[in-house]
Amino acid sequence: MSAARSLFRPSLTVGAFTLLSRLTGFLRDAMIAQVLGAGLVADSFLVAFKLPNLFAQIFADNALSSVFVPLFSSLSEHRGRRAAWAFADQVWSVLILLAAAFSLLMVVLMPWAMLVFAPGLGEVPGRRALAVLLARIAFPYFIFAALAALLTGMLNALGRFAAAAAAMSILNVTLVAVLVLRGPGMRADHALAWGAVLAGVLQVLWLLAAVRRAGRLPRLVRPRPTPEARTMLRRLLPATLGGGLAQINMLSDTLLASLLPTGALSYLYYAERVSLFPLGVVGIAVGTVLLPLLSRQLAGGDPAAAADSQNRALEAGLFLILPSAAGLLVLAQPIVALLFRHGQFSAADAVATARTLQAYVLGAPGLIVVRLLSPAFYARGDTRTPVLVTACAFGLDLALTLLLMPWLAHVAIALGDSLAATLNAAISVFLLARRRQLRWDARLRYRLPRIVAATLVMTAGLLLLRPLLPESGRLLQGLLLLLLIGGGGLLYLGVAWRLGIADLAMVRRMVAEKGGSGLKA
């Protein structure tokens, strides 16, 4: 089966569930904004909620998956599924011990940890104490998030994408449920913190059921220093450092925002959530499928197929992300107002969040390229190079943010992230091309400038029609905004079709293709 088909159908499944996760995430954030607003309680909860997610992304979502999937795929290819499962048992047993121990340590040290991660919280009386309390409640979510990341890696390596993708919505649905069902005497911020832990338990149970259907449950075994375990440890250290640098960048954003007037943390959080909508749907969908696909192709000795897969992933990712980013840039103000401007979230909050969103959106193309090129390093067992590239990008991000903050305040933080993502993408492209591990084929060279042209036409159309949106009437605003977004999408697809880069017949063939896609629950 061609690389396009191998990528498209499983990516469509992951993308659909990621879209569901983003939509439920918007519902979750809208309810949080309505209940908590953008003040002291919201800042405290968002910092507390970010900490377990932050460490899960460092130790599990990025590092663990990027190392585990290639090794599991290689063992399956060369030594059989039994050896791969024995390796998975070793990782599962060690991860449970490490995650539980680290979570307990963080709960004990949380007052001092909060001084490091958000030192500015103490400037407002009561804000730091509340953040520490909520973080202590919510941090055990890290244990279940780490285990969920490993179970997701097992499923992805086995070509089972649907169940893992569906699990992404469990956190959002659970938090919405606890807000709706909490008792009259329970504070909303406390309910959300406990809800995060409950969501982690539900995610693990859901994924364990899926792994059992895919083969068997992971088992608790006595850890042994096998060659595979030593290889994983050797690759995991730089991968964790790379993930740590990326998350340290996020922590520095939180630290700097905590020094700004109250509300800055909330503006950054809500804006980032909206900006990650297209990146999540496109980047997570294609990137999730690409890593195990490249790992299998390289383990099977087929670099030509791997190169084709890389080109098709970049083509699909840029075809979708460029118009999405342009649309968010033009329509940031009405989108933020529609999603969040109600309850305690004021008109001034909406304006500040929209400006931050526009700064974040500028980095979306760079982020998608990084997401789609990272598997090219990890599938070859190279976890060192992404660390060095991330370090360079982090240095630029911090320097630009400190330089621009006196004039742009919280918007400078988002703008620094965007420029750093662009640099990260440029360096990654250069290094892979110099190693001859990334070759732009004729099809990608033909389509990329035409994708840019179609995006520019759509952007011009949105700029012309945006003044037609009314200033009042929430229902009418929402309806016309949806029509404008749909019209912009149709304009983009129409121009793309005229330029010869939207092959609808090929899409229908890929959707209809039944074999080899790995679309299993």
Protein backbone atom coordinates (compact mmCIF):
# COMPACT_ATOMS: atom_id res chain seq x y z
CA MET A 1 0.00 0.00 0.00
CA SER A 2 1.29 3.53 -0.83
CA ALA A 3 2.59 5.89 1.83
CA ALA A 4 -0.34 8.23 1.23
CA ARG A 5 -2.84 5.47 1.97
CA SER A 6 -0.83 4.15 4.93
CA LEU A 7 -0.90 7.63 6.43
CA PHE A 8 -4.32 8.92 5.37
CA ARG A 9 -6.79 6.43 6.79
CA PRO A 10 -5.28 6.01 10.28
CA SER A 11 -4.54 9.76 10.36
CA LEU A 12 -8.20 10.40 9.53
CA THR A 13 -9.24 8.27 12.50
CA VAL A 14 -6.80 9.94 14.90
CA GLY A 15 -7.74 13.34 13.50
CA ALA A 16 -11.45 12.74 14.01
CA PHE A 17 -10.98 11.76 17.64
CA THR A 18 -8.50 14.60 18.15
CA LEU A 19 -11.12 16.98 16.77
CA LEU A 20 -13.60 15.56 19.28
CA SER A 21 -11.02 16.09 22.03
CA ARG A 22 -10.46 19.71 20.97
CA LEU A 23 -14.20 20.42 20.82
CA THR A 24 -14.79 18.94 24.27
CA GLY A 25 -11.70 20.87 25.39
CA PHE A 26 -13.28 24.10 24.22
CA LEU A 27 -16.43 23.23 26.14
CA ARG A 28 -14.30 22.51 29.21
CA ASP A 29 -12.38 25.79 28.91
CA ALA A 30 -15.53 27.79 28.25
CA MET A 31 -17.07 26.41 31.43
CA ILE A 32 -13.89 27.07 33.42
CA ALA A 33 -13.79 30.63 32.07
CA GLN A 34 -17.43 31.13 33.00
CA VAL A 35 -17.04 29.74 36.52
CA LEU A 36 -13.54 30.97 37.42
CA GLY A 37 -13.08 33.96 35.11
CA ALA A 38 -9.51 35.24 34.64
CA GLY A 39 -8.53 36.31 38.14
CA LEU A 40 -6.92 34.91 41.30
CA VAL A 41 -8.75 31.57 41.46
CA ALA A 42 -8.36 30.92 37.72
CA ASP A 43 -4.62 31.70 37.79
CA SER A 44 -4.12 29.39 40.80
CA PHE A 45 -6.05 26.50 39.28
CA LEU A 46 -4.42 26.78 35.85
CA VAL A 47 -0.93 26.72 37.35
CA ALA A 48 -1.87 23.75 39.55
CA PHE A 49 -3.42 21.92 36.60
CA LYS A 50 -0.45 22.61 34.37
CA LEU A 51 2.15 21.01 36.67
CA PRO A 52 1.12 17.31 36.40
CA ASN A 53 0.48 17.76 32.68
CA LEU A 54 3.87 19.38 32.31
CA PHE A 55 5.79 16.51 33.87
CA ALA A 56 3.68 13.94 32.03
CA GLN A 57 4.69 15.57 28.76
CA ILE A 58 8.37 15.61 29.76
CA PHE A 59 8.66 12.03 30.98
CA ALA A 60 5.91 10.26 29.08
CA ASP A 61 4.15 11.89 26.15
CA ASN A 62 7.34 12.99 24.37
CA ALA A 63 10.32 11.01 25.64
CA LEU A 64 8.73 7.66 26.46
CA SER A 65 6.67 7.36 23.29
CA SER A 66 9.46 8.46 20.97
CA VAL A 67 11.82 5.80 22.37
CA PHE A 68 9.38 2.98 23.16
CA VAL A 69 7.56 2.81 19.80
CA PRO A 70 10.69 2.31 17.58
CA LEU A 71 12.13 -0.31 19.95
CA PHE A 72 8.83 -2.20 20.26
CA SER A 73 8.40 -2.10 16.45
CA SER A 74 11.97 -3.30 15.86
CA LEU A 75 11.58 -6.20 18.30
CA SER A 76 8.30 -7.20 16.65
CA GLU A 77 9.96 -7.09 13.22
CA HIS A 78 13.12 -9.01 14.07
CA ARG A 79 12.35 -11.23 17.10
CA GLY A 80 8.59 -11.57 17.14
CA ARG A 81 5.67 -10.25 19.14
CA ARG A 82 6.54 -12.31 22.24
CA ALA A 83 9.87 -10.53 22.70
CA ALA A 84 8.16 -7.17 22.15
CA TRP A 85 5.62 -7.89 24.89
CA ALA A 86 8.35 -9.00 27.31
CA PHE A 87 10.05 -5.65 26.70
CA ALA A 88 6.74 -3.83 27.29
CA ASP A 89 6.31 -5.64 30.62
CA GLN A 90 9.70 -4.38 31.78
CA VAL A 91 8.87 -0.77 30.90
CA TRP A 92 5.40 -0.99 32.48
CA SER A 93 6.77 -2.29 35.80
CA VAL A 94 9.50 0.33 36.09
CA LEU A 95 7.18 3.17 35.08
CA ILE A 96 4.63 2.40 37.80
CA LEU A 97 7.31 2.58 40.50
CA LEU A 98 8.97 5.73 39.18
CA ALA A 99 5.72 7.62 38.53
CA ALA A 100 4.30 6.86 41.98
CA ALA A 101 7.53 7.81 43.75
CA PHE A 102 7.87 11.06 41.82
CA SER A 103 4.24 12.02 42.41
CA LEU A 104 4.59 11.50 46.17
CA LEU A 105 7.79 13.56 46.22
CA MET A 106 6.13 16.45 44.37
CA VAL A 107 3.11 16.46 46.69
CA VAL A 108 5.43 16.77 49.71
CA LEU A 109 7.63 19.46 48.11
CA MET A 110 4.83 21.41 46.40
CA PRO A 111 5.22 24.68 48.43
CA TRP A 112 8.86 24.92 47.35
CA ALA A 113 8.12 23.69 43.82
CA MET A 114 5.57 26.49 43.39
CA LEU A 115 8.26 29.03 44.30
CA VAL A 116 10.27 27.74 41.33
CA PHE A 117 7.50 27.27 38.77
CA ALA A 118 5.42 30.39 39.50
CA PRO A 119 7.27 32.74 41.86
CA GLY A 120 5.07 35.71 41.01
CA LEU A 121 1.97 34.09 42.49
CA GLY A 122 2.94 35.28 45.95
CA GLU A 123 2.50 38.93 44.99
CA VAL A 124 -1.28 38.54 45.36
CA PRO A 125 -2.31 37.44 48.89
CA GLY A 126 -3.72 33.91 48.96
CA ARG A 127 -2.91 33.05 45.35
CA ARG A 128 0.16 30.88 46.04
CA ALA A 129 -1.44 29.03 48.96
CA LEU A 130 -4.45 28.16 46.82
CA ALA A 131 -2.22 27.03 43.94
CA VAL A 132 -0.25 24.73 46.30
CA LEU A 133 -3.44 23.17 47.67
CA LEU A 134 -4.94 22.56 44.22
CA ALA A 135 -1.64 21.21 42.87
CA ARG A 136 -1.37 18.72 45.74
CA ILE A 137 -4.84 17.44 44.93
CA ALA A 138 -4.28 17.23 41.18
CA PHE A 139 -0.67 16.02 40.94
CA PRO A 140 -1.42 12.26 41.24
CA TYR A 141 -2.91 12.68 37.77
CA PHE A 142 0.73 12.44 36.63
CA ILE A 143 0.86 8.74 37.56
CA PHE A 144 -2.09 7.85 35.37
CA ALA A 145 -1.04 10.18 32.54
CA ALA A 146 2.36 8.47 32.38
CA LEU A 147 0.78 5.00 32.30
CA ALA A 148 -1.73 6.17 29.67
CA ALA A 149 1.13 7.43 27.50
CA LEU A 150 2.84 4.03 27.61
CA LEU A 151 -0.40 2.18 26.83
CA THR A 152 -0.96 4.57 23.92
CA GLY A 153 2.54 3.78 22.64
CA MET A 154 1.76 0.06 22.79
CA LEU A 155 -1.44 0.52 20.80
CA ASN A 156 0.18 2.80 18.21
CA ALA A 157 3.07 0.36 17.72
CA LEU A 158 0.47 -2.36 17.08
CA GLY A 159 -1.35 -0.20 14.53
CA ARG A 160 -4.35 0.30 16.86
CA PHE A 161 -5.01 4.04 16.78
CA ALA A 162 -8.72 4.53 17.42
CA ALA A 163 -9.00 3.61 21.11
CA ALA A 164 -5.92 5.64 22.09
CA ALA A 165 -7.18 8.66 20.14
CA ALA A 166 -10.61 8.38 21.76
CA ALA A 167 -9.01 8.43 25.22
CA MET A 168 -7.93 12.05 24.69
CA SER A 169 -11.49 13.26 25.30
CA ILE A 170 -11.88 11.53 28.67
CA LEU A 171 -10.17 14.31 30.62
CA ASN A 172 -12.35 17.02 29.08
CA VAL A 173 -15.61 15.11 29.52
CA THR A 174 -14.76 14.28 33.13
CA LEU A 175 -13.95 17.89 34.06
CA VAL A 176 -17.17 19.11 32.45
CA ALA A 177 -19.09 16.43 34.34
CA VAL A 178 -17.63 17.37 37.74
CA LEU A 179 -18.47 21.03 37.15
CA VAL A 180 -22.05 20.16 36.28
CA LEU A 181 -22.58 17.50 38.96
CA ARG A 182 -20.62 18.97 41.89
CA GLY A 183 -22.53 19.46 45.07
CA PRO A 184 -23.70 22.93 46.14
CA GLY A 185 -21.12 23.08 48.92
CA MET A 186 -18.11 22.12 46.78
CA ARG A 187 -15.91 24.81 45.27
CA ALA A 188 -15.45 24.67 41.51
CA ASP A 189 -11.63 24.82 41.66
CA HIS A 190 -11.50 21.91 44.15
CA ALA A 191 -13.92 19.89 42.04
CA LEU A 192 -11.75 20.42 38.95
CA ALA A 193 -8.59 19.31 40.78
CA TRP A 194 -10.22 16.09 42.01
CA GLY A 195 -11.78 15.61 38.57
CA ALA A 196 -8.35 15.56 36.94
CA VAL A 197 -7.30 12.57 39.07
CA LEU A 198 -10.55 10.76 38.32
CA ALA A 199 -10.02 11.39 34.60
CA GLY A 200 -6.55 9.83 34.80
CA VAL A 201 -7.99 6.66 36.35
CA LEU A 202 -10.66 6.43 33.65
CA GLN A 203 -8.10 6.92 30.87
CA VAL A 204 -5.93 4.06 32.15
CA LEU A 205 -8.91 1.71 32.51
CA TRP A 206 -10.09 2.54 28.97
CA LEU A 207 -6.64 1.96 27.46
CA LEU A 208 -6.04 -1.25 29.42
CA ALA A 209 -9.23 -2.66 27.91
CA ALA A 210 -8.01 -1.70 24.42
CA VAL A 211 -4.56 -3.22 24.97
CA ARG A 212 -6.17 -6.45 26.17
CA ARG A 213 -8.21 -6.62 22.95
CA ALA A 214 -5.04 -5.99 20.93
CA GLY A 215 -3.10 -8.85 22.51
CA ARG A 216 -2.72 -9.08 26.27
CA LEU A 217 -2.43 -6.86 29.32
CA PRO A 218 1.02 -5.63 30.40
CA ARG A 219 2.30 -7.59 33.39
CA LEU A 220 4.20 -6.63 36.50
CA VAL A 221 7.63 -8.29 36.38
CA ARG A 222 10.94 -7.91 38.15
CA PRO A 223 13.02 -5.33 36.24
CA ARG A 224 16.09 -6.81 34.57
CA PRO A 225 18.98 -5.06 32.72
CA THR A 226 18.22 -6.60 29.31
CA PRO A 227 19.94 -5.25 26.16
CA GLU A 228 16.64 -3.66 25.11
CA ALA A 229 16.25 -2.01 28.52
CA ARG A 230 19.78 -0.61 28.34
CA THR A 231 19.13 0.69 24.81
CA MET A 232 15.94 2.34 25.94
CA LEU A 233 17.63 3.95 28.93
CA ARG A 234 20.46 5.23 26.71
CA ARG A 235 17.97 6.79 24.28
CA LEU A 236 15.53 7.91 26.96
CA LEU A 237 17.94 10.22 28.76
CA PRO A 238 18.49 12.65 25.84
CA ALA A 239 14.84 12.33 24.81
CA THR A 240 13.78 13.28 28.33
CA LEU A 241 16.22 16.18 28.28
CA GLY A 242 14.74 17.34 24.99
CA GLY A 243 11.22 17.06 26.34
CA GLY A 244 12.40 18.79 29.48
CA LEU A 245 13.80 21.71 27.51
CA ALA A 246 10.52 22.11 25.68
CA GLN A 247 8.59 22.03 28.93
CA ILE A 248 11.10 24.28 30.68
CA ASN A 249 10.26 26.72 27.93
CA MET A 250 6.60 26.42 28.94
CA LEU A 251 7.54 26.78 32.59
CA SER A 252 9.51 29.93 31.80
CA ASP A 253 6.37 31.26 30.12
CA THR A 254 4.40 30.55 33.29
CA LEU A 255 7.12 32.10 35.46
CA LEU A 256 7.31 35.28 33.39
CA ALA A 257 3.52 35.56 33.11
CA SER A 258 3.19 35.23 36.88
CA LEU A 259 5.24 38.42 37.18
CA LEU A 260 2.74 40.32 35.03
CA PRO A 261 -0.58 41.77 36.24
CA THR A 262 -3.33 39.34 37.25
CA GLY A 263 -4.96 37.71 34.24
CA ALA A 264 -1.84 37.22 32.10
CA LEU A 265 -1.65 33.51 32.95
CA SER A 266 -5.27 33.06 31.94
CA TYR A 267 -4.88 34.98 28.66
CA LEU A 268 -1.94 32.77 27.67
CA TYR A 269 -3.75 29.59 28.64
CA TYR A 270 -6.96 30.30 26.73
CA ALA A 271 -5.11 31.63 23.67
CA GLU A 272 -2.79 28.63 23.57
CA ARG A 273 -5.74 26.26 23.78
CA VAL A 274 -7.34 27.83 20.71
CA SER A 275 -4.06 28.00 18.76
CA LEU A 276 -3.39 24.32 19.42
CA PHE A 277 -6.71 23.32 17.88
CA PRO A 278 -5.43 22.97 14.28
CA LEU A 279 -2.03 21.74 15.44
CA GLY A 280 -3.63 19.02 17.54
CA VAL A 281 -6.00 17.83 14.86
CA VAL A 282 -3.33 17.83 12.12
CA GLY A 283 -0.03 17.40 13.95
CA ILE A 284 -1.11 14.78 16.46
CA ALA A 285 -3.06 12.86 13.82
CA VAL A 286 -0.31 12.61 11.22
CA GLY A 287 2.60 12.55 13.68
CA THR A 288 1.05 9.74 15.74
CA VAL A 289 0.72 7.53 12.68
CA LEU A 290 4.05 8.55 11.15
CA LEU A 291 6.36 7.38 13.97
CA PRO A 292 5.34 3.68 14.00
CA LEU A 293 5.09 3.71 10.18
CA LEU A 294 8.64 5.04 9.75
CA SER A 295 9.89 2.67 12.46
CA ARG A 296 8.45 -0.35 10.64
CA GLN A 297 9.73 0.80 7.24
CA LEU A 298 13.26 1.47 8.49
CA ALA A 299 13.35 -1.75 10.54
CA GLY A 300 12.25 -3.61 7.40
CA GLY A 301 15.09 -2.08 5.37
CA ASP A 302 12.97 0.15 3.10
CA PRO A 303 14.36 3.73 3.30
CA ALA A 304 12.67 4.69 0.02
CA ALA A 305 9.24 3.99 1.52
CA ALA A 306 10.22 5.95 4.62
CA ALA A 307 11.23 8.94 2.49
CA ASP A 308 7.92 8.79 0.62
CA SER A 309 6.00 8.64 3.93
CA GLN A 310 7.90 11.69 5.21
CA ASN A 311 7.08 13.72 2.09
CA ARG A 312 3.41 12.77 2.15
CA ALA A 313 3.17 13.67 5.84
CA LEU A 314 4.65 17.13 5.20
CA GLU A 315 2.35 17.64 2.22
CA ALA A 316 -0.77 16.69 4.19
CA GLY A 317 0.28 18.66 7.27
CA LEU A 318 1.04 21.90 5.42
CA PHE A 319 -2.06 21.57 3.22
CA LEU A 320 -4.19 21.66 6.37
CA ILE A 321 -2.22 23.85 8.78
CA LEU A 322 -1.51 26.86 6.57
CA PRO A 323 -5.17 27.80 5.88
CA SER A 324 -6.10 26.96 9.49
CA ALA A 325 -3.42 29.29 10.86
CA ALA A 326 -4.39 32.05 8.44
CA GLY A 327 -8.04 31.74 9.42
CA LEU A 328 -7.25 31.99 13.13
CA LEU A 329 -5.02 35.01 12.51
CA VAL A 330 -7.81 36.91 10.73
CA LEU A 331 -10.71 35.78 12.93
CA ALA A 332 -9.01 35.69 16.35
CA GLN A 333 -11.17 38.41 17.90
CA PRO A 334 -14.63 37.03 17.01
CA ILE A 335 -13.57 33.45 17.78
CA VAL A 336 -12.32 34.30 21.27
CA ALA A 337 -15.37 36.43 21.98
CA LEU A 338 -17.71 33.63 20.92
CA LEU A 339 -15.91 30.96 22.95
CA PHE A 340 -15.12 32.76 26.18
CA ARG A 341 -16.86 36.15 26.51
CA HIS A 342 -19.50 35.35 29.08
CA GLY A 343 -19.83 35.03 32.84
CA GLN A 344 -16.73 36.36 34.60
CA PHE A 345 -14.78 36.68 31.31
CA SER A 346 -15.00 40.34 30.26
CA ALA A 347 -14.71 42.13 26.91
CA ALA A 348 -11.23 43.36 27.91
CA ASP A 349 -10.21 39.77 28.70
CA ALA A 350 -11.40 38.72 25.23
CA VAL A 351 -9.33 41.42 23.50
CA ALA A 352 -6.19 40.53 25.45
CA THR A 353 -6.67 36.81 24.71
CA ALA A 354 -7.26 37.45 20.99
CA ARG A 355 -4.01 39.40 20.64
CA THR A 356 -2.15 36.59 22.36
CA LEU A 357 -3.81 34.05 20.05
CA GLN A 358 -2.59 35.93 16.96
CA ALA A 359 0.97 35.82 18.27
CA TYR A 360 0.72 32.07 18.94
CA VAL A 361 -0.76 31.34 15.50
CA LEU A 362 2.30 32.73 13.75
CA GLY A 363 4.25 29.70 14.97
CA ALA A 364 1.72 27.05 13.89
CA PRO A 365 3.46 26.14 10.58
CA GLY A 366 6.79 25.78 12.37
CA LEU A 367 5.24 23.62 15.09
CA ILE A 368 3.62 21.29 12.56
CA VAL A 369 6.89 20.86 10.66
CA VAL A 370 8.73 20.02 13.90
CA ARG A 371 6.01 17.55 14.84
CA LEU A 372 6.26 15.80 11.48
CA LEU A 373 10.07 15.79 11.26
CA SER A 374 10.73 14.56 14.80
CA PRO A 375 9.77 10.95 13.90
CA ALA A 376 12.55 10.99 11.26
CA PHE A 377 15.07 11.34 14.10
CA TYR A 378 13.38 9.06 16.64
CA ALA A 379 12.66 6.22 14.20
CA ARG A 380 16.43 6.02 13.54
CA GLY A 381 17.21 5.97 17.26
CA ASP A 382 18.59 9.52 17.21
CA THR A 383 17.28 11.22 20.34
CA ARG A 384 20.29 13.52 20.73
CA THR A 385 19.83 15.84 17.74
CA PRO A 386 16.32 17.03 18.68
CA VAL A 387 17.69 17.99 22.11
CA LEU A 388 20.34 20.25 20.60
CA VAL A 389 17.85 21.85 18.20
CA THR A 390 15.35 22.43 21.02
CA ALA A 391 18.09 24.02 23.15
CA CYS A 392 18.88 26.52 20.37
CA ALA A 393 15.20 27.35 19.95
CA PHE A 394 14.73 27.77 23.71
CA GLY A 395 17.61 30.23 23.91
CA LEU A 396 16.08 32.35 21.15
CA ASP A 397 12.64 32.16 22.76
CA LEU A 398 13.86 33.37 26.15
CA ALA A 399 15.94 36.18 24.68
CA LEU A 400 13.12 37.50 22.49
CA THR A 401 10.56 37.27 25.28
CA LEU A 402 12.71 39.24 27.74
CA LEU A 403 13.46 41.80 25.03
CA LEU A 404 9.83 42.37 24.04
CA MET A 405 8.00 42.05 27.39
CA PRO A 406 8.41 45.71 28.40
CA TRP A 407 6.37 46.70 25.33
CA LEU A 408 4.12 43.72 24.59
CA ALA A 409 3.63 42.19 28.08
CA HIS A 410 2.07 38.69 27.83
CA VAL A 411 1.87 38.88 24.01
CA ALA A 412 5.69 38.84 23.94
CA ILE A 413 5.66 35.38 25.53
CA ALA A 414 3.48 33.97 22.76
CA LEU A 415 5.46 35.73 20.03
CA GLY A 416 8.74 34.35 21.37
CA ASP A 417 7.32 30.82 21.29
CA SER A 418 6.25 31.26 17.67
CA LEU A 419 9.60 32.57 16.45
CA ALA A 420 11.43 29.79 18.31
CA ALA A 421 9.19 27.13 16.70
CA THR A 422 10.03 28.56 13.27
CA LEU A 423 13.76 28.35 14.03
CA ASN A 424 13.37 24.78 15.31
CA ALA A 425 11.65 23.76 12.07
CA ALA A 426 14.29 25.44 9.89
CA ILE A 427 17.20 23.75 11.70
CA SER A 428 15.47 20.35 11.59
CA VAL A 429 14.89 20.64 7.84
CA PHE A 430 18.51 21.65 7.27
CA LEU A 431 19.98 18.79 9.34
CA LEU A 432 17.79 16.07 7.82
CA ALA A 433 18.44 17.34 4.30
CA ARG A 434 22.22 17.43 4.89
CA ARG A 435 22.11 13.82 6.11
CA ARG A 436 20.02 12.86 3.06
CA GLN A 437 17.26 11.69 5.36
CA LEU A 438 14.83 14.25 3.96
CA ARG A 439 14.51 14.74 0.22
CA TRP A 440 11.84 16.99 -1.19
CA ASP A 441 10.33 14.94 -4.01
CA ALA A 442 8.85 16.43 -7.18
CA ARG A 443 5.28 16.16 -5.94
CA LEU A 444 6.00 18.14 -2.74
CA ARG A 445 8.00 20.79 -4.65
CA TYR A 446 5.08 21.19 -7.07
CA ARG A 447 2.35 21.40 -4.44
CA LEU A 448 3.90 23.50 -1.66
CA PRO A 449 3.93 26.89 -3.48
CA ARG A 450 0.38 26.26 -4.69
CA ILE A 451 -0.75 25.53 -1.13
CA VAL A 452 0.70 28.91 -0.13
CA ALA A 453 -1.07 30.63 -3.04
CA ALA A 454 -4.45 29.09 -2.14
CA THR A 455 -3.95 30.17 1.48
CA LEU A 456 -3.28 33.76 0.44
CA VAL A 457 -6.44 33.88 -1.66
CA MET A 458 -8.51 32.53 1.24
CA THR A 459 -6.94 35.06 3.63
CA ALA A 460 -7.85 37.93 1.31
CA GLY A 461 -11.43 36.68 1.16
CA LEU A 462 -11.73 36.48 4.96
CA LEU A 463 -10.32 40.00 5.36
CA LEU A 464 -12.94 41.35 2.95
CA LEU A 465 -15.86 39.60 4.66
CA ARG A 466 -14.84 39.98 8.32
CA PRO A 467 -16.38 43.48 8.69
CA LEU A 468 -19.80 41.90 8.01
CA LEU A 469 -19.78 40.18 11.42
CA PRO A 470 -22.17 41.98 13.81
CA GLU A 471 -20.98 43.58 17.05
CA SER A 472 -23.84 42.19 19.14
CA GLY A 473 -26.28 39.28 19.21
CA ARG A 474 -24.45 36.17 20.36
CA LEU A 475 -26.51 33.69 18.36
CA LEU A 476 -26.27 35.73 15.15
CA GLN A 477 -22.54 36.28 15.71
CA GLY A 478 -21.94 32.56 16.11
CA LEU A 479 -24.00 31.63 13.06
CA LEU A 480 -22.32 34.17 10.78
CA LEU A 481 -18.88 33.26 12.12
CA LEU A 482 -19.47 29.59 11.31
CA LEU A 483 -20.66 30.57 7.82
CA LEU A 484 -17.56 32.71 7.34
CA ILE A 485 -15.26 29.91 8.46
CA GLY A 486 -17.05 27.44 6.18
CA GLY A 487 -16.94 29.88 3.29
CA GLY A 488 -13.22 30.43 3.78
CA GLY A 489 -12.65 26.68 3.79
CA LEU A 490 -14.65 26.24 0.57
CA LEU A 491 -12.75 29.10 -1.07
CA TYR A 492 -9.43 27.49 -0.14
CA LEU A 493 -10.47 24.08 -1.45
CA GLY A 494 -11.84 25.61 -4.64
CA VAL A 495 -8.59 27.44 -5.38
CA ALA A 496 -6.60 24.33 -4.43
CA TRP A 497 -8.67 22.26 -6.84
CA ARG A 498 -8.12 24.78 -9.65
CA LEU A 499 -4.39 24.73 -8.96
CA GLY A 500 -4.31 20.94 -9.12
CA ILE A 501 -3.43 20.17 -5.49
CA ALA A 502 -6.81 18.87 -4.25
CA ASP A 503 -7.28 15.44 -5.84
CA LEU A 504 -10.73 14.44 -4.61
CA ALA A 505 -10.69 11.16 -6.53
CA MET A 506 -7.50 10.13 -4.73
CA VAL A 507 -9.04 11.02 -1.36
CA ARG A 508 -12.07 8.85 -2.11
CA ARG A 509 -9.81 5.93 -3.06
CA MET A 510 -7.82 6.26 0.18
CA VAL A 511 -10.95 6.40 2.32
CA ALA A 512 -12.36 3.36 0.54
CA GLU A 513 -9.10 1.37 0.89
CA LYS A 514 -9.66 -1.50 3.35
CA GLY A 515 -6.33 -3.18 3.79
CA GLY A 516 -3.35 -2.42 5.92
CA SER A 517 -4.44 0.80 7.53
CA GLY A 518 -4.44 -0.33 11.11
CA LEU A 519 -7.81 1.20 11.82
CA LYS A 520 -8.70 -0.98 14.76
CA ALA A 521 -10.19 0.00 18.05
